[in-house]
């Protein structure tokens, strides 16, 4: 399984979750875990996703998700779970 951490932050608006989830579904990326909150009008979401069925490289997925986020007025980051695993090993 190839996992990634997707974070979405920005001013709350209608359709943010739909836009991100539609991209993931169209690219065969499965959401394993999701947490979302709104604090004082600001949207914050974190997902753990499995991109092992996706034919695209993670760097390309990350770029495309960033573009999806820009269309919705939010900042999206997608990083390999391995980065976080390595940080805890040091």
PDB file of N, CA and C in Angstrom:
ATOM      1  N   UNK A   1       0.849  -1.185   0.000  1.00  0.00           N
ATOM      2  CA  UNK A   1       0.000   0.000   0.000  1.00  0.00           C
ATOM      3  C   UNK A   1       0.886   1.236   0.000  1.00  0.00           C
ATOM      4  N   UNK A   2       0.577   2.184  -0.865  1.00  0.00           N
ATOM      5  CA  UNK A   2       1.298   3.451  -0.922  1.00  0.00           C
ATOM      6  C   UNK A   2       0.384   4.525  -0.333  1.00  0.00           C
ATOM      7  N   UNK A   3       0.803   5.070   0.820  1.00  0.00           N
ATOM      8  CA  UNK A   3      -0.028   6.044   1.517  1.00  0.00           C
ATOM      9  C   UNK A   3       0.551   7.447   1.402  1.00  0.00           C
ATOM     10  N   UNK A   4      -0.364   8.413   1.442  1.00  0.00           N
ATOM     11  CA  UNK A   4       0.026   9.820   1.435  1.00  0.00           C
ATOM     12  C   UNK A   4      -0.849  10.579   2.418  1.00  0.00           C
ATOM     13  N   UNK A   5      -0.346  11.713   2.879  1.00  0.00           N
ATOM     14  CA  UNK A   5      -1.082  12.607   3.764  1.00  0.00           C
ATOM     15  C   UNK A   5      -1.476  13.830   2.939  1.00  0.00           C
ATOM     16  N   UNK A   6      -2.781  14.110   2.898  1.00  0.00           N
ATOM     17  CA  UNK A   6      -3.301  15.261   2.164  1.00  0.00           C
ATOM     18  C   UNK A   6      -3.851  16.247   3.177  1.00  0.00           C
ATOM     19  N   UNK A   7      -3.386  17.492   3.122  1.00  0.00           N
ATOM     20  CA  UNK A   7      -3.911  18.535   3.996  1.00  0.00           C
ATOM     21  C   UNK A   7      -4.521  19.637   3.144  1.00  0.00           C
ATOM     22  N   UNK A   8      -5.628  20.180   3.649  1.00  0.00           N
ATOM     23  CA  UNK A   8      -6.343  21.246   2.949  1.00  0.00           C
ATOM     24  C   UNK A   8      -6.650  22.335   3.971  1.00  0.00           C
ATOM     25  N   UNK A   9      -6.232  23.569   3.684  1.00  0.00           N
ATOM     26  CA  UNK A   9      -6.439  24.684   4.606  1.00  0.00           C
ATOM     27  C   UNK A   9      -6.857  25.921   3.818  1.00  0.00           C
ATOM     28  N   UNK A  10      -7.838  26.657   4.365  1.00  0.00           N
ATOM     29  CA  UNK A  10      -8.243  27.911   3.739  1.00  0.00           C
ATOM     30  C   UNK A  10      -9.569  28.401   4.269  1.00  0.00           C
ATOM     31  N   UNK A  11     -10.018  29.508   3.737  1.00  0.00           N
ATOM     32  CA  UNK A  11     -11.304  30.073   4.133  1.00  0.00           C
ATOM     33  C   UNK A  11     -12.401  29.110   3.713  1.00  0.00           C
ATOM     34  N   UNK A  12     -13.355  28.853   4.598  1.00  0.00           N
ATOM     35  CA  UNK A  12     -14.425  27.899   4.331  1.00  0.00           C
ATOM     36  C   UNK A  12     -15.303  28.375   3.177  1.00  0.00           C
ATOM     37  N   UNK A  13     -15.699  27.434   2.335  1.00  0.00           N
ATOM     38  CA  UNK A  13     -16.585  27.709   1.208  1.00  0.00           C
ATOM     39  C   UNK A  13     -17.280  26.413   0.808  1.00  0.00           C
ATOM     40  N   UNK A  14     -18.381  26.538   0.127  1.00  0.00           N
ATOM     41  CA  UNK A  14     -19.125  25.379  -0.353  1.00  0.00           C
ATOM     42  C   UNK A  14     -18.311  24.651  -1.418  1.00  0.00           C
ATOM     43  N   UNK A  15     -18.248  23.329  -1.336  1.00  0.00           N
ATOM     44  CA  UNK A  15     -17.668  22.512  -2.396  1.00  0.00           C
ATOM     45  C   UNK A  15     -16.221  22.107  -2.246  1.00  0.00           C
ATOM     46  N   UNK A  16     -15.573  22.486  -1.161  1.00  0.00           N
ATOM     47  CA  UNK A  16     -14.154  22.133  -0.994  1.00  0.00           C
ATOM     48  C   UNK A  16     -13.988  20.617  -0.912  1.00  0.00           C
ATOM     49  N   UNK A  17     -14.728  19.981  -0.019  1.00  0.00           N
ATOM     50  CA  UNK A  17     -14.609  18.535   0.153  1.00  0.00           C
ATOM     51  C   UNK A  17     -14.978  17.821  -1.144  1.00  0.00           C
ATOM     52  N   UNK A  18     -16.045  18.270  -1.789  1.00  0.00           N
ATOM     53  CA  UNK A  18     -16.489  17.644  -3.039  1.00  0.00           C
ATOM     54  C   UNK A  18     -15.401  17.712  -4.106  1.00  0.00           C
ATOM     55  N   UNK A  19     -14.755  18.856  -4.257  1.00  0.00           N
ATOM     56  CA  UNK A  19     -13.725  19.016  -5.291  1.00  0.00           C
ATOM     57  C   UNK A  19     -12.547  18.079  -5.038  1.00  0.00           C
ATOM     58  N   UNK A  20     -12.087  18.025  -3.801  1.00  0.00           N
ATOM     59  CA  UNK A  20     -10.943  17.170  -3.469  1.00  0.00           C
ATOM     60  C   UNK A  20     -11.319  15.695  -3.629  1.00  0.00           C
ATOM     61  N   UNK A  21     -12.461  15.304  -3.083  1.00  0.00           N
ATOM     62  CA  UNK A  21     -12.885  13.898  -3.151  1.00  0.00           C
ATOM     63  C   UNK A  21     -13.182  13.455  -4.583  1.00  0.00           C
ATOM     64  N   UNK A  22     -13.727  14.335  -5.404  1.00  0.00           N
ATOM     65  CA  UNK A  22     -13.957  13.992  -6.809  1.00  0.00           C
ATOM     66  C   UNK A  22     -12.640  13.719  -7.528  1.00  0.00           C
ATOM     67  N   UNK A  23     -11.637  14.553  -7.280  1.00  0.00           N
ATOM     68  CA  UNK A  23     -10.318  14.314  -7.879  1.00  0.00           C
ATOM     69  C   UNK A  23      -9.783  12.951  -7.445  1.00  0.00           C
ATOM     70  N   UNK A  24      -9.847  12.672  -6.144  1.00  0.00           N
ATOM     71  CA  UNK A  24      -9.325  11.403  -5.633  1.00  0.00           C
ATOM     72  C   UNK A  24     -10.046  10.220  -6.265  1.00  0.00           C
ATOM     73  N   UNK A  25     -11.365  10.275  -6.320  1.00  0.00           N
ATOM     74  CA  UNK A  25     -12.147   9.172  -6.892  1.00  0.00           C
ATOM     75  C   UNK A  25     -11.825   8.958  -8.369  1.00  0.00           C
ATOM     76  N   UNK A  26     -11.718  10.036  -9.126  1.00  0.00           N
ATOM     77  CA  UNK A  26     -11.425   9.928 -10.563  1.00  0.00           C
ATOM     78  C   UNK A  26     -10.042   9.332 -10.826  1.00  0.00           C
ATOM     79  N   UNK A  27      -9.166   9.395  -9.839  1.00  0.00           N
ATOM     80  CA  UNK A  27      -7.808   8.885  -9.992  1.00  0.00           C
ATOM     81  C   UNK A  27      -7.562   7.603  -9.191  1.00  0.00           C
ATOM     82  N   UNK A  28      -8.623   6.931  -8.781  1.00  0.00           N
ATOM     83  CA  UNK A  28      -8.539   5.654  -8.055  1.00  0.00           C
ATOM     84  C   UNK A  28      -7.718   5.759  -6.778  1.00  0.00           C
ATOM     85  N   UNK A  29      -7.853   6.885  -6.084  1.00  0.00           N
ATOM     86  CA  UNK A  29      -7.164   7.104  -4.818  1.00  0.00           C
ATOM     87  C   UNK A  29      -8.182   6.932  -3.703  1.00  0.00           C
ATOM     88  N   UNK A  30      -7.924   5.981  -2.816  1.00  0.00           N
ATOM     89  CA  UNK A  30      -8.862   5.637  -1.749  1.00  0.00           C
ATOM     90  C   UNK A  30      -8.576   6.431  -0.480  1.00  0.00           C
ATOM     91  N   UNK A  31      -9.617   6.987   0.112  1.00  0.00           N
ATOM     92  CA  UNK A  31      -9.488   7.694   1.387  1.00  0.00           C
ATOM     93  C   UNK A  31      -9.545   6.659   2.506  1.00  0.00           C
ATOM     94  N   UNK A  32      -8.482   6.576   3.286  1.00  0.00           N
ATOM     95  CA  UNK A  32      -8.416   5.621   4.398  1.00  0.00           C
ATOM     96  C   UNK A  32      -8.900   6.240   5.703  1.00  0.00           C
ATOM     97  N   UNK A  33      -8.617   7.521   5.877  1.00  0.00           N
ATOM     98  CA  UNK A  33      -9.017   8.226   7.100  1.00  0.00           C
ATOM     99  C   UNK A  33      -9.170   9.694   6.744  1.00  0.00           C
ATOM    100  N   UNK A  34     -10.107  10.359   7.424  1.00  0.00           N
ATOM    101  CA  UNK A  34     -10.349  11.770   7.129  1.00  0.00           C
ATOM    102  C   UNK A  34     -10.779  12.493   8.398  1.00  0.00           C
ATOM    103  N   UNK A  35     -10.254  13.697   8.564  1.00  0.00           N
ATOM    104  CA  UNK A  35     -10.633  14.550   9.674  1.00  0.00           C
ATOM    105  C   UNK A  35     -10.819  15.955   9.116  1.00  0.00           C
ATOM    106  N   UNK A  36     -11.925  16.583   9.476  1.00  0.00           N
ATOM    107  CA  UNK A  36     -12.218  17.912   8.945  1.00  0.00           C
ATOM    108  C   UNK A  36     -12.836  18.754  10.036  1.00  0.00           C
ATOM    109  N   UNK A  37     -12.445  20.026  10.074  1.00  0.00           N
ATOM    110  CA  UNK A  37     -13.013  20.952  11.043  1.00  0.00           C
ATOM    111  C   UNK A  37     -13.038  22.355  10.462  1.00  0.00           C
ATOM    112  N   UNK A  38     -13.896  23.174  11.023  1.00  0.00           N
ATOM    113  CA  UNK A  38     -13.942  24.587  10.660  1.00  0.00           C
ATOM    114  C   UNK A  38     -13.762  25.373  11.948  1.00  0.00           C
ATOM    115  N   UNK A  39     -12.772  26.256  11.966  1.00  0.00           N
ATOM    116  CA  UNK A  39     -12.474  27.065  13.138  1.00  0.00           C
ATOM    117  C   UNK A  39     -12.535  28.533  12.720  1.00  0.00           C
ATOM    118  N   UNK A  40     -13.477  29.250  13.302  1.00  0.00           N
ATOM    119  CA  UNK A  40     -13.625  30.684  13.048  1.00  0.00           C
ATOM    120  C   UNK A  40     -13.654  31.005  11.550  1.00  0.00           C
ATOM    121  N   UNK A  41     -14.361  30.156  10.776  1.00  0.00           N
ATOM    122  CA  UNK A  41     -14.521  30.390   9.348  1.00  0.00           C
ATOM    123  C   UNK A  41     -13.413  29.836   8.470  1.00  0.00           C
ATOM    124  N   UNK A  42     -12.434  29.166   9.088  1.00  0.00           N
ATOM    125  CA  UNK A  42     -11.343  28.581   8.313  1.00  0.00           C
ATOM    126  C   UNK A  42     -11.471  27.067   8.287  1.00  0.00           C
ATOM    127  N   UNK A  43     -11.367  26.533   7.084  1.00  0.00           N
ATOM    128  CA  UNK A  43     -11.521  25.103   6.825  1.00  0.00           C
ATOM    129  C   UNK A  43     -10.176  24.411   6.990  1.00  0.00           C
ATOM    130  N   UNK A  44     -10.181  23.244   7.637  1.00  0.00           N
ATOM    131  CA  UNK A  44      -8.966  22.454   7.822  1.00  0.00           C
ATOM    132  C   UNK A  44      -9.335  20.983   7.672  1.00  0.00           C
ATOM    133  N   UNK A  45      -8.658  20.296   6.759  1.00  0.00           N
ATOM    134  CA  UNK A  45      -8.926  18.874   6.553  1.00  0.00           C
ATOM    135  C   UNK A  45      -7.611  18.132   6.394  1.00  0.00           C
ATOM    136  N   UNK A  46      -7.557  16.946   6.963  1.00  0.00           N
ATOM    137  CA  UNK A  46      -6.411  16.065   6.788  1.00  0.00           C
ATOM    138  C   UNK A  46      -6.929  14.689   6.408  1.00  0.00           C
ATOM    139  N   UNK A  47      -6.306  14.093   5.415  1.00  0.00           N
ATOM    140  CA  UNK A  47      -6.684  12.758   4.961  1.00  0.00           C
ATOM    141  C   UNK A  47      -5.450  11.872   4.851  1.00  0.00           C
ATOM    142  N   UNK A  48      -5.654  10.608   5.129  1.00  0.00           N
ATOM    143  CA  UNK A  48      -4.675   9.588   4.790  1.00  0.00           C
ATOM    144  C   UNK A  48      -5.275   8.859   3.595  1.00  0.00           C
ATOM    145  N   UNK A  49      -4.530   8.795   2.505  1.00  0.00           N
ATOM    146  CA  UNK A  49      -5.050   8.168   1.290  1.00  0.00           C
ATOM    147  C   UNK A  49      -4.108   7.072   0.814  1.00  0.00           C
ATOM    148  N   UNK A  50      -4.673   6.129   0.084  1.00  0.00           N
ATOM    149  CA  UNK A  50      -3.915   5.046  -0.543  1.00  0.00           C
ATOM    150  C   UNK A  50      -3.930   5.304  -2.047  1.00  0.00           C
ATOM    151  N   UNK A  51      -2.756   5.582  -2.613  1.00  0.00           N
ATOM    152  CA  UNK A  51      -2.685   5.873  -4.038  1.00  0.00           C
ATOM    153  C   UNK A  51      -2.044   4.730  -4.831  1.00  0.00           C
ATOM    154  N   UNK A  52      -2.027   3.519  -4.258  1.00  0.00           N
ATOM    155  CA  UNK A  52      -1.381   2.390  -4.936  1.00  0.00           C
ATOM    156  C   UNK A  52      -2.108   1.971  -6.218  1.00  0.00           C
ATOM    157  N   UNK A  53      -3.394   2.291  -6.366  1.00  0.00           N
ATOM    158  CA  UNK A  53      -4.141   1.949  -7.581  1.00  0.00           C
ATOM    159  C   UNK A  53      -4.094   3.062  -8.624  1.00  0.00           C
ATOM    160  N   UNK A  54      -3.517   4.189  -8.269  1.00  0.00           N
ATOM    161  CA  UNK A  54      -3.415   5.324  -9.181  1.00  0.00           C
ATOM    162  C   UNK A  54      -2.207   5.131 -10.101  1.00  0.00           C
ATOM    163  N   UNK A  55      -2.367   5.447 -11.361  1.00  0.00           N
ATOM    164  CA  UNK A  55      -1.284   5.275 -12.328  1.00  0.00           C
ATOM    165  C   UNK A  55      -0.312   6.452 -12.335  1.00  0.00           C
ATOM    166  N   UNK A  56      -0.633   7.526 -11.634  1.00  0.00           N
ATOM    167  CA  UNK A  56       0.203   8.723 -11.624  1.00  0.00           C
ATOM    168  C   UNK A  56       1.215   8.673 -10.477  1.00  0.00           C
ATOM    169  N   UNK A  57       2.334   9.355 -10.674  1.00  0.00           N
ATOM    170  CA  UNK A  57       3.334   9.502  -9.625  1.00  0.00           C
ATOM    171  C   UNK A  57       2.816  10.477  -8.567  1.00  0.00           C
ATOM    172  N   UNK A  58       3.290  10.321  -7.333  1.00  0.00           N
ATOM    173  CA  UNK A  58       2.834  11.165  -6.239  1.00  0.00           C
ATOM    174  C   UNK A  58       3.114  12.645  -6.508  1.00  0.00           C
ATOM    175  N   UNK A  59       4.225  12.962  -7.122  1.00  0.00           N
ATOM    176  CA  UNK A  59       4.543  14.367  -7.399  1.00  0.00           C
ATOM    177  C   UNK A  59       3.509  14.984  -8.345  1.00  0.00           C
ATOM    178  N   UNK A  60       3.033  14.205  -9.304  1.00  0.00           N
ATOM    179  CA  UNK A  60       2.024  14.692 -10.236  1.00  0.00           C
ATOM    180  C   UNK A  60       0.670  14.838  -9.537  1.00  0.00           C
ATOM    181  N   UNK A  61       0.333  13.876  -8.670  1.00  0.00           N
ATOM    182  CA  UNK A  61      -0.906  13.947  -7.885  1.00  0.00           C
ATOM    183  C   UNK A  61      -0.877  15.202  -7.023  1.00  0.00           C
ATOM    184  N   UNK A  62       0.255  15.444  -6.388  1.00  0.00           N
ATOM    185  CA  UNK A  62       0.407  16.609  -5.518  1.00  0.00           C
ATOM    186  C   UNK A  62       0.193  17.910  -6.291  1.00  0.00           C
ATOM    187  N   UNK A  63       0.791  17.999  -7.470  1.00  0.00           N
ATOM    188  CA  UNK A  63       0.625  19.201  -8.305  1.00  0.00           C
ATOM    189  C   UNK A  63      -0.832  19.399  -8.714  1.00  0.00           C
ATOM    190  N   UNK A  64      -1.481  18.315  -9.114  1.00  0.00           N
ATOM    191  CA  UNK A  64      -2.881  18.414  -9.543  1.00  0.00           C
ATOM    192  C   UNK A  64      -3.797  18.777  -8.379  1.00  0.00           C
ATOM    193  N   UNK A  65      -3.547  18.206  -7.210  1.00  0.00           N
ATOM    194  CA  UNK A  65      -4.354  18.554  -6.038  1.00  0.00           C
ATOM    195  C   UNK A  65      -4.156  20.018  -5.657  1.00  0.00           C
ATOM    196  N   UNK A  66      -2.922  20.504  -5.778  1.00  0.00           N
ATOM    197  CA  UNK A  66      -2.664  21.919  -5.516  1.00  0.00           C
ATOM    198  C   UNK A  66      -3.509  22.783  -6.452  1.00  0.00           C
ATOM    199  N   UNK A  67      -3.573  22.394  -7.731  1.00  0.00           N
ATOM    200  CA  UNK A  67      -4.372  23.133  -8.705  1.00  0.00           C
ATOM    201  C   UNK A  67      -5.862  23.072  -8.382  1.00  0.00           C
ATOM    202  N   UNK A  68      -6.344  21.912  -7.963  1.00  0.00           N
ATOM    203  CA  UNK A  68      -7.751  21.779  -7.553  1.00  0.00           C
ATOM    204  C   UNK A  68      -8.028  22.718  -6.385  1.00  0.00           C
ATOM    205  N   UNK A  69      -7.121  22.741  -5.424  1.00  0.00           N
ATOM    206  CA  UNK A  69      -7.272  23.620  -4.270  1.00  0.00           C
ATOM    207  C   UNK A  69      -7.319  25.088  -4.667  1.00  0.00           C
ATOM    208  N   UNK A  70      -6.469  25.476  -5.596  1.00  0.00           N
ATOM    209  CA  UNK A  70      -6.446  26.876  -6.038  1.00  0.00           C
ATOM    210  C   UNK A  70      -7.789  27.288  -6.642  1.00  0.00           C
ATOM    211  N   UNK A  71      -8.440  26.380  -7.352  1.00  0.00           N
ATOM    212  CA  UNK A  71      -9.748  26.705  -7.938  1.00  0.00           C
ATOM    213  C   UNK A  71     -10.811  26.896  -6.862  1.00  0.00           C
ATOM    214  N   UNK A  72     -10.590  26.311  -5.667  1.00  0.00           N
ATOM    215  CA  UNK A  72     -11.543  26.426  -4.559  1.00  0.00           C
ATOM    216  C   UNK A  72     -11.085  27.453  -3.523  1.00  0.00           C
ATOM    217  N   UNK A  73      -9.937  28.067  -3.714  1.00  0.00           N
ATOM    218  CA  UNK A  73      -9.443  29.081  -2.786  1.00  0.00           C
ATOM    219  C   UNK A  73      -8.806  28.526  -1.527  1.00  0.00           C
ATOM    220  N   UNK A  74      -8.272  27.295  -1.609  1.00  0.00           N
ATOM    221  CA  UNK A  74      -7.610  26.679  -0.450  1.00  0.00           C
ATOM    222  C   UNK A  74      -6.221  26.195  -0.852  1.00  0.00           C
ATOM    223  N   UNK A  75      -5.399  25.922   0.154  1.00  0.00           N
ATOM    224  CA  UNK A  75      -4.055  25.396  -0.064  1.00  0.00           C
ATOM    225  C   UNK A  75      -4.077  23.900   0.206  1.00  0.00           C
ATOM    226  N   UNK A  76      -3.613  23.117  -0.754  1.00  0.00           N
ATOM    227  CA  UNK A  76      -3.597  21.657  -0.620  1.00  0.00           C
ATOM    228  C   UNK A  76      -2.153  21.175  -0.712  1.00  0.00           C
ATOM    229  N   UNK A  77      -1.768  20.341   0.250  1.00  0.00           N
ATOM    230  CA  UNK A  77      -0.457  19.685   0.227  1.00  0.00           C
ATOM    231  C   UNK A  77      -0.674  18.179   0.243  1.00  0.00           C
ATOM    232  N   UNK A  78       0.110  17.473  -0.526  1.00  0.00           N
ATOM    233  CA  UNK A  78       0.058  16.010  -0.550  1.00  0.00           C
ATOM    234  C   UNK A  78       1.486  15.504  -0.423  1.00  0.00           C
ATOM    235  N   UNK A  79       1.737  14.736   0.634  1.00  0.00           N
ATOM    236  CA  UNK A  79       3.090  14.248   0.910  1.00  0.00           C
ATOM    237  C   UNK A  79       3.050  12.759   1.216  1.00  0.00           C
ATOM    238  N   UNK A  80       4.099  12.078   0.846  1.00  0.00           N
ATOM    239  CA  UNK A  80       4.207  10.657   1.130  1.00  0.00           C
ATOM    240  C   UNK A  80       4.206  10.420   2.642  1.00  0.00           C
ATOM    241  N   UNK A  81       3.532   9.380   3.052  1.00  0.00           N
ATOM    242  CA  UNK A  81       3.522   9.013   4.469  1.00  0.00           C
ATOM    243  C   UNK A  81       4.930   8.673   4.947  1.00  0.00           C
ATOM    244  N   UNK A  82       5.782   8.234   4.038  1.00  0.00           N
ATOM    245  CA  UNK A  82       7.153   7.862   4.395  1.00  0.00           C
ATOM    246  C   UNK A  82       7.913   9.030   5.028  1.00  0.00           C
ATOM    247  N   UNK A  83       7.615  10.244   4.605  1.00  0.00           N
ATOM    248  CA  UNK A  83       8.279  11.425   5.176  1.00  0.00           C
ATOM    249  C   UNK A  83       8.019  11.489   6.680  1.00  0.00           C
ATOM    250  N   UNK A  84       6.772  11.262   7.073  1.00  0.00           N
ATOM    251  CA  UNK A  84       6.409  11.331   8.483  1.00  0.00           C
ATOM    252  C   UNK A  84       6.974  10.150   9.263  1.00  0.00           C
ATOM    253  N   UNK A  85       7.026   8.992   8.630  1.00  0.00           N
ATOM    254  CA  UNK A  85       7.617   7.810   9.277  1.00  0.00           C
ATOM    255  C   UNK A  85       9.101   8.038   9.552  1.00  0.00           C
ATOM    256  N   UNK A  86       9.822   8.597   8.588  1.00  0.00           N
ATOM    257  CA  UNK A  86      11.246   8.837   8.743  1.00  0.00           C
ATOM    258  C   UNK A  86      11.522   9.869   9.831  1.00  0.00           C
ATOM    259  N   UNK A  87      10.662  10.887   9.933  1.00  0.00           N
ATOM    260  CA  UNK A  87      10.839  11.917  10.962  1.00  0.00           C
ATOM    261  C   UNK A  87      10.794  11.314  12.360  1.00  0.00           C
ATOM    262  N   UNK A  88       9.981  10.288  12.545  1.00  0.00           N
ATOM    263  CA  UNK A  88       9.857   9.674  13.868  1.00  0.00           C
ATOM    264  C   UNK A  88      10.983   8.682  14.165  1.00  0.00           C
ATOM    265  N   UNK A  89      11.706   8.262  13.155  1.00  0.00           N
ATOM    266  CA  UNK A  89      12.819   7.339  13.343  1.00  0.00           C
ATOM    267  C   UNK A  89      14.086   8.047  13.762  1.00  0.00           C
ATOM    268  N   UNK A  90      14.181   9.320  13.437  1.00  0.00           N
ATOM    269  CA  UNK A  90      15.414  10.070  13.735  1.00  0.00           C
ATOM    270  C   UNK A  90      15.540  10.350  15.208  1.00  0.00           C
TER     271      UNK A  90
END
